[in-house]
């Protein structure tokens, strides 16, 4: 969500080679993310702000959103810039870059943004095609984007109004937001909450295949202004 600081991961790493929508993507990621759960800085941050280093995992929602991004009919304009919120390892945003978009990757923690930058380089993306930055969903800037992406960012009920407000505040007129979820209970209120802020929201069934070949299913919430 916000701009508290960073978690330092000093463990082993792996470069995963994924195929999303027929497109090859390489993702630099921690190979032992669980070690962050016992990190003193993480524990202290959790006590202050209920923070957890979920960024270090490739969740089912990330695959669902990445697959949707790969298959969506996007504008041909290469100057189209997408915003990924709570990006974590940035899988959906990396796929968006293969579709020709510029991407602004944002997260609550600086460390995943460093991994995203390394993944972008691993894929041969030019530095001017993306940017990274901290974004506090409770203190939003005035920037607007025609595309907003979020993978499994509504995993707790308390996050639903925050994500809805990000979309209401930062989605440009005529824009589209794609928010993925693997059937979480908290999402039952998402469409209504988004609608109460003057946006339209349609739930679409989604499916994808994970790195280990496991089939996952869930929902893509298509939000429009």
Protein backbone atom coordinates (compact mmCIF):
# COMPACT_ATOMS: atom_id res chain seq x y z
CA UNK A 1 0.00 0.00 0.00
CA UNK A 2 2.26 2.76 1.18
CA UNK A 3 5.70 4.20 1.59
CA UNK A 4 6.94 2.90 4.93
CA UNK A 5 10.30 1.56 3.77
CA UNK A 6 11.76 -1.66 2.53
CA UNK A 7 12.37 -5.24 3.49
CA UNK A 8 15.83 -6.52 2.73
CA UNK A 9 15.93 -9.96 1.16
CA UNK A 10 19.40 -11.51 1.22
CA UNK A 11 18.48 -15.12 0.47
CA UNK A 12 18.80 -17.25 -2.66
CA UNK A 13 17.13 -16.14 -5.87
CA UNK A 14 15.82 -17.77 -9.01
CA UNK A 15 14.92 -16.57 -12.50
CA UNK A 16 11.64 -18.22 -13.50
CA UNK A 17 10.85 -18.64 -17.20
CA UNK A 18 7.07 -18.45 -17.63
CA UNK A 19 4.76 -18.63 -20.62
CA UNK A 20 1.77 -16.33 -20.31
CA UNK A 21 -0.72 -16.16 -23.15
CA UNK A 22 1.91 -17.65 -25.44
CA UNK A 23 4.44 -14.99 -24.43
CA UNK A 24 7.69 -15.80 -22.65
CA UNK A 25 8.41 -13.83 -19.47
CA UNK A 26 11.38 -14.10 -17.11
CA UNK A 27 10.82 -13.16 -13.48
CA UNK A 28 13.61 -12.61 -10.95
CA UNK A 29 12.28 -13.68 -7.56
CA UNK A 30 13.29 -14.95 -4.10
CA UNK A 31 13.55 -18.73 -4.05
CA UNK A 32 13.12 -18.80 -0.25
CA UNK A 33 10.57 -16.05 0.44
CA UNK A 34 9.48 -17.60 3.73
CA UNK A 35 12.69 -16.38 5.36
CA UNK A 36 11.21 -12.86 5.26
CA UNK A 37 8.50 -13.93 7.71
CA UNK A 38 11.05 -14.14 10.52
CA UNK A 39 12.98 -11.00 9.58
CA UNK A 40 13.11 -8.57 12.57
CA UNK A 41 12.41 -5.55 10.36
CA UNK A 42 9.37 -7.27 8.83
CA UNK A 43 8.05 -8.23 12.26
CA UNK A 44 8.48 -4.66 13.51
CA UNK A 45 6.78 -3.24 10.41
CA UNK A 46 3.93 -5.70 10.88
CA UNK A 47 3.38 -4.50 14.44
CA UNK A 48 3.30 -0.87 13.28
CA UNK A 49 1.19 -1.20 10.15
CA UNK A 50 -0.01 -4.80 9.76
CA UNK A 51 2.51 -5.27 6.94
CA UNK A 52 3.31 -8.67 5.42
CA UNK A 53 5.91 -9.34 2.66
CA UNK A 54 3.42 -10.96 0.28
CA UNK A 55 5.30 -9.42 -2.64
CA UNK A 56 7.86 -12.22 -2.58
CA UNK A 57 5.44 -14.89 -3.87
CA UNK A 58 3.82 -15.46 -7.25
CA UNK A 59 0.18 -15.81 -6.20
CA UNK A 60 -2.62 -17.35 -8.30
CA UNK A 61 -4.08 -13.89 -8.79
CA UNK A 62 -0.89 -12.77 -10.51
CA UNK A 63 -1.22 -15.53 -13.10
CA UNK A 64 -4.91 -14.72 -13.62
CA UNK A 65 -4.22 -11.04 -14.24
CA UNK A 66 -1.16 -11.68 -16.41
CA UNK A 67 -3.17 -14.04 -18.60
CA UNK A 68 -5.94 -11.45 -18.94
CA UNK A 69 -3.43 -8.75 -19.87
CA UNK A 70 -1.85 -11.01 -22.46
CA UNK A 71 -5.19 -11.69 -24.16
CA UNK A 72 -6.85 -8.27 -23.88
CA UNK A 73 -7.35 -6.10 -26.98
CA UNK A 74 -5.31 -3.06 -26.01
CA UNK A 75 -4.89 0.23 -27.90
CA UNK A 76 -2.10 0.23 -30.47
CA UNK A 77 -0.64 3.46 -29.08
CA UNK A 78 2.76 2.56 -27.62
CA UNK A 79 2.61 5.63 -25.39
CA UNK A 80 -0.27 4.13 -23.39
CA UNK A 81 0.88 3.92 -19.77
CA UNK A 82 -0.49 1.39 -17.33
CA UNK A 83 -0.30 1.60 -13.55
CA UNK A 84 0.17 -1.60 -11.60
CA UNK A 85 -0.79 -1.26 -7.94
CA UNK A 86 0.55 -3.62 -5.27
CA UNK A 87 2.72 -4.98 -8.05
CA UNK A 88 4.86 -7.39 -6.01
CA UNK A 89 7.00 -9.20 -8.57
CA UNK A 90 5.18 -7.33 -11.33
CA UNK A 91 4.14 -10.25 -13.53
CA UNK A 92 1.09 -8.53 -15.03
CA UNK A 93 3.02 -5.33 -15.70
CA UNK A 94 5.84 -7.24 -17.36
CA UNK A 95 3.30 -8.92 -19.64
CA UNK A 96 1.81 -5.49 -20.38
CA UNK A 97 5.24 -4.38 -21.55
CA UNK A 98 5.30 -7.26 -24.05
CA UNK A 99 2.06 -5.74 -25.38
CA UNK A 100 3.86 -2.46 -26.05
CA UNK A 101 2.69 -0.48 -23.03
CA UNK A 102 4.70 1.69 -20.73
CA UNK A 103 4.17 0.59 -17.13
CA UNK A 104 4.39 2.36 -13.79
CA UNK A 105 5.04 -0.36 -11.17
CA UNK A 106 4.07 0.60 -7.62
CA UNK A 107 4.13 -1.18 -4.28
CA UNK A 108 4.16 -0.67 -0.52
CA UNK A 109 7.79 -1.77 -0.24
CA UNK A 110 10.88 -0.69 -2.17
CA UNK A 111 12.39 -4.18 -2.37
CA UNK A 112 9.89 -5.71 -4.85
CA UNK A 113 10.45 -2.70 -7.10
CA UNK A 114 14.13 -3.59 -7.22
CA UNK A 115 13.21 -7.14 -8.29
CA UNK A 116 10.87 -5.73 -10.95
CA UNK A 117 13.68 -3.60 -12.38
CA UNK A 118 15.91 -6.65 -12.57
CA UNK A 119 13.16 -8.65 -14.27
CA UNK A 120 12.68 -5.86 -16.81
CA UNK A 121 16.38 -6.01 -17.62
CA UNK A 122 16.26 -9.81 -17.76
CA UNK A 123 13.57 -9.52 -20.43
CA UNK A 124 15.51 -6.93 -22.41
CA UNK A 125 12.98 -4.13 -21.85
CA UNK A 126 14.33 -0.63 -22.39
CA UNK A 127 14.50 1.43 -19.17
CA UNK A 128 12.37 4.21 -20.65
CA UNK A 129 9.48 1.75 -21.07
CA UNK A 130 8.80 1.53 -17.33
CA UNK A 131 9.17 3.28 -14.00
CA UNK A 132 8.84 2.24 -10.36
CA UNK A 133 7.67 4.02 -7.25
CA UNK A 134 6.09 3.72 -3.83
CA UNK A 135 2.35 4.29 -3.64
CA UNK A 136 0.34 4.70 -0.45
CA UNK A 137 -3.29 3.86 -1.17
CA UNK A 138 -4.23 6.11 1.75
CA UNK A 139 -2.41 9.16 0.32
CA UNK A 140 -3.00 9.21 -3.42
CA UNK A 141 -1.31 11.54 -5.92
CA UNK A 142 -3.21 13.40 -8.61
CA UNK A 143 -1.90 11.23 -11.46
CA UNK A 144 -4.38 9.47 -13.73
CA UNK A 145 -3.91 6.40 -15.92
CA UNK A 146 -5.98 4.93 -18.72
CA UNK A 147 -5.13 1.41 -17.50
CA UNK A 148 -4.85 0.27 -13.88
CA UNK A 149 -3.88 -3.30 -13.01
CA UNK A 150 -4.06 -5.05 -9.64
CA UNK A 151 -3.44 -8.74 -8.88
CA UNK A 152 -5.06 -10.11 -5.71
CA UNK A 153 -5.01 -6.70 -4.02
CA UNK A 154 -8.35 -7.20 -2.23
CA UNK A 155 -7.36 -10.25 -0.18
CA UNK A 156 -8.66 -8.64 3.02
CA UNK A 157 -11.93 -6.78 3.54
CA UNK A 158 -10.14 -3.67 4.82
CA UNK A 159 -8.39 -3.31 1.46
CA UNK A 160 -11.57 -3.26 -0.65
CA UNK A 161 -12.47 0.43 -0.07
CA UNK A 162 -8.83 1.44 -0.50
CA UNK A 163 -8.52 -0.28 -3.88
CA UNK A 164 -11.90 1.06 -4.96
CA UNK A 165 -10.76 4.58 -4.07
CA UNK A 166 -7.52 4.14 -6.03
CA UNK A 167 -9.61 3.34 -9.09
CA UNK A 168 -12.05 6.20 -8.46
CA UNK A 169 -9.19 8.66 -8.00
CA UNK A 170 -6.59 7.53 -10.52
CA UNK A 171 -8.52 5.96 -13.41
CA UNK A 172 -8.74 8.37 -16.32
CA UNK A 173 -12.06 9.02 -18.11
CA UNK A 174 -12.65 6.20 -20.59
CA UNK A 175 -10.04 4.08 -18.82
CA UNK A 176 -10.20 0.48 -17.65
CA UNK A 177 -9.05 -1.22 -14.48
CA UNK A 178 -8.47 -4.97 -14.29
CA UNK A 179 -8.40 -6.39 -10.77
CA UNK A 180 -7.90 -10.13 -10.33
CA UNK A 181 -8.92 -12.39 -7.47
CA UNK A 182 -8.92 -16.17 -6.90
CA UNK A 183 -12.40 -16.20 -5.32
CA UNK A 184 -11.71 -14.50 -1.99
CA UNK A 185 -14.53 -13.78 0.45
CA UNK A 186 -13.53 -10.12 0.75
CA UNK A 187 -14.31 -9.61 -2.95
CA UNK A 188 -18.01 -10.13 -2.40
CA UNK A 189 -18.28 -6.42 -1.58
CA UNK A 190 -15.92 -5.15 -4.29
CA UNK A 191 -18.36 -4.51 -7.14
CA UNK A 192 -20.80 -2.70 -4.85
CA UNK A 193 -18.06 -0.59 -3.31
CA UNK A 194 -16.71 0.41 -6.71
CA UNK A 195 -20.22 1.19 -7.92
CA UNK A 196 -20.85 3.46 -4.94
CA UNK A 197 -17.96 5.63 -6.17
CA UNK A 198 -19.52 6.16 -9.58
CA UNK A 199 -17.64 3.51 -11.54
CA UNK A 200 -18.95 0.50 -13.44
CA UNK A 201 -17.71 -2.96 -12.48
CA UNK A 202 -18.24 -6.27 -14.26
CA UNK A 203 -17.05 -9.61 -12.89
CA UNK A 204 -15.59 -11.98 -15.49
CA UNK A 205 -14.53 -15.59 -15.00
CA UNK A 206 -10.80 -16.14 -15.44
CA UNK A 207 -8.38 -19.06 -15.58
CA UNK A 208 -4.65 -19.55 -15.92
CA UNK A 209 -1.88 -22.09 -15.43
CA UNK A 210 0.85 -21.61 -12.84
CA UNK A 211 4.56 -22.23 -13.25
CA UNK A 212 4.18 -25.81 -12.02
CA UNK A 213 1.31 -26.56 -14.40
CA UNK A 214 -1.48 -26.18 -11.85
CA UNK A 215 -4.77 -24.79 -13.16
CA UNK A 216 -6.12 -21.79 -11.23
CA UNK A 217 -9.42 -19.98 -11.62
CA UNK A 218 -10.99 -16.83 -10.28
CA UNK A 219 -12.42 -13.49 -11.28
CA UNK A 220 -11.28 -10.46 -13.23
CA UNK A 221 -13.14 -7.33 -12.14
CA UNK A 222 -13.36 -4.99 -15.13
CA UNK A 223 -13.79 -1.45 -13.84
CA UNK A 224 -14.62 1.44 -16.17
CA UNK A 225 -15.38 5.12 -15.75
